[in-house]
Every structure is written in C-alpha cells, then in structure tokens.
C-alpha atoms as a PDB file:
ATOM      1  CA  MET A   1       5.726  16.216   5.021  1.00  0.00           C
ATOM      2  CA  LEU A   2       7.660  13.016   4.467  1.00  0.00           C
ATOM      3  CA  LYS A   3       4.725  10.708   5.218  1.00  0.00           C
ATOM      4  CA  PRO A   4       2.619  11.641   2.129  1.00  0.00           C
ATOM      5  CA  ALA A   5       5.632  11.195  -0.153  1.00  0.00           C
ATOM      6  CA  ILE A   6       6.436   7.770   1.261  1.00  0.00           C
ATOM      7  CA  LEU A   7       2.797   6.679   1.085  1.00  0.00           C
ATOM      8  CA  ALA A   8       2.651   7.795  -2.556  1.00  0.00           C
ATOM      9  CA  LEU A   9       5.777   5.776  -3.304  1.00  0.00           C
ATOM     10  CA  VAL A  10       4.376   2.721  -1.516  1.00  0.00           C
ATOM     11  CA  ARG A  11       1.100   3.075  -3.437  1.00  0.00           C
ATOM     12  CA  GLN A  12       3.003   3.119  -6.740  1.00  0.00           C
ATOM     13  CA  VAL A  13       5.093   0.087  -5.768  1.00  0.00           C
ATOM     14  CA  LEU A  14       1.962  -1.824  -4.733  1.00  0.00           C
ATOM     15  CA  THR A  15       0.306  -0.889  -8.024  1.00  0.00           C
ATOM     16  CA  VAL A  16       3.281  -2.223  -9.999  1.00  0.00           C
ATOM     17  CA  VAL A  17       3.294  -5.442  -7.957  1.00  0.00           C
ATOM     18  CA  GLY A  18      -0.464  -5.816  -8.421  1.00  0.00           C
ATOM     19  CA  THR A  19      -0.143  -5.271 -12.159  1.00  0.00           C
ATOM     20  CA  ALA A  20       2.565  -7.925 -12.374  1.00  0.00           C
ATOM     21  CA  LEU A  21       0.421 -10.398 -10.428  1.00  0.00           C
ATOM     22  CA  VAL A  22      -2.536  -9.762 -12.745  1.00  0.00           C
ATOM     23  CA  ALA A  23      -0.312 -10.133 -15.830  1.00  0.00           C
ATOM     24  CA  LYS A  24       0.981 -13.478 -14.560  1.00  0.00           C
ATOM     25  CA  GLY A  25      -2.589 -14.618 -13.858  1.00  0.00           C
ATOM     26  CA  TYR A  26      -2.169 -15.064 -10.098  1.00  0.00           C
ATOM     27  CA  VAL A  27      -5.011 -12.684  -9.167  1.00  0.00           C
ATOM     28  CA  GLU A  28      -8.022 -11.044 -10.781  1.00  0.00           C
ATOM     29  CA  ALA A  29      -7.757  -7.376 -11.729  1.00  0.00           C
ATOM     30  CA  SER A  30     -10.790  -6.525  -9.598  1.00  0.00           C
ATOM     31  CA  ASP A  31      -9.082  -7.918  -6.479  1.00  0.00           C
ATOM     32  CA  VAL A  32      -5.965  -5.755  -6.644  1.00  0.00           C
ATOM     33  CA  GLU A  33      -7.394  -2.315  -5.833  1.00  0.00           C
ATOM     34  CA  PRO A  34      -9.131  -3.291  -2.551  1.00  0.00           C
ATOM     35  CA  VAL A  35      -5.999  -5.113  -1.366  1.00  0.00           C
ATOM     36  CA  ILE A  36      -3.796  -2.091  -2.101  1.00  0.00           C
ATOM     37  CA  GLY A  37      -6.253   0.147  -0.252  1.00  0.00           C
ATOM     38  CA  ALA A  38      -6.298  -2.168   2.743  1.00  0.00           C
ATOM     39  CA  LEU A  39      -2.499  -2.388   2.878  1.00  0.00           C
ATOM     40  CA  LEU A  40      -2.166   1.389   2.712  1.00  0.00           C
ATOM     41  CA  THR A  41      -4.743   1.836   5.456  1.00  0.00           C
ATOM     42  CA  ILE A  42      -3.072  -0.697   7.734  1.00  0.00           C
ATOM     43  CA  GLY A  43       0.365   0.752   6.999  1.00  0.00           C
ATOM     44  CA  SER A  44      -0.827   4.261   7.769  1.00  0.00           C
ATOM     45  CA  VAL A  45      -2.324   3.195  11.096  1.00  0.00           C
ATOM     46  CA  VAL A  46       0.825   1.296  12.091  1.00  0.00           C
ATOM     47  CA  TRP A  47       2.978   4.271  11.118  1.00  0.00           C
ATOM     48  CA  SER A  48       0.795   6.644  13.146  1.00  0.00           C
ATOM     49  CA  VAL A  49       0.877   4.441  16.255  1.00  0.00           C
ATOM     50  CA  ALA A  50       4.642   3.948  15.995  1.00  0.00           C
ATOM     51  CA  TYR A  51       5.198   7.694  15.578  1.00  0.00           C
ATOM     52  CA  LYS A  52       3.044   8.543  18.596  1.00  0.00           C
ATOM     53  CA  ARG A  53       4.767   5.945  20.780  1.00  0.00           C
ATOM     54  CA  ALA A  54       8.183   7.309  19.841  1.00  0.00           C
ATOM     55  CA  ARG A  55       7.262  10.739  21.193  1.00  0.00           C
END
C-alpha cells in the first residue's frame, strides 16, 4: 500500500525537477518523459529486489 504512494510522490518530484531543467534550458522537453520513466522503472526494480532480500 505504501509503495504506490511513494512512487507517485517520486514521479511528481521528478516531473518538477524535469520542468525546472527544461525551463533553465538544460534539457529538451521531449527528453524528460523517457528519463522519468526509466528512473521510475529502475527504482521500482531496486525496491522490489531489496524488499525480497529483506524477507
């Protein structure tokens, strides 16, 4: 139950960071969404592995 809430929060934080980077001109707008998706996927896998090892 906690995992979806934390992932939603992380997604929002990454979106805000991505928006700031686009506003400053550091990255293109089209590059932000795939990077956020990749980070969430990697984070979810790491979280899952860590949770299963802790059992």
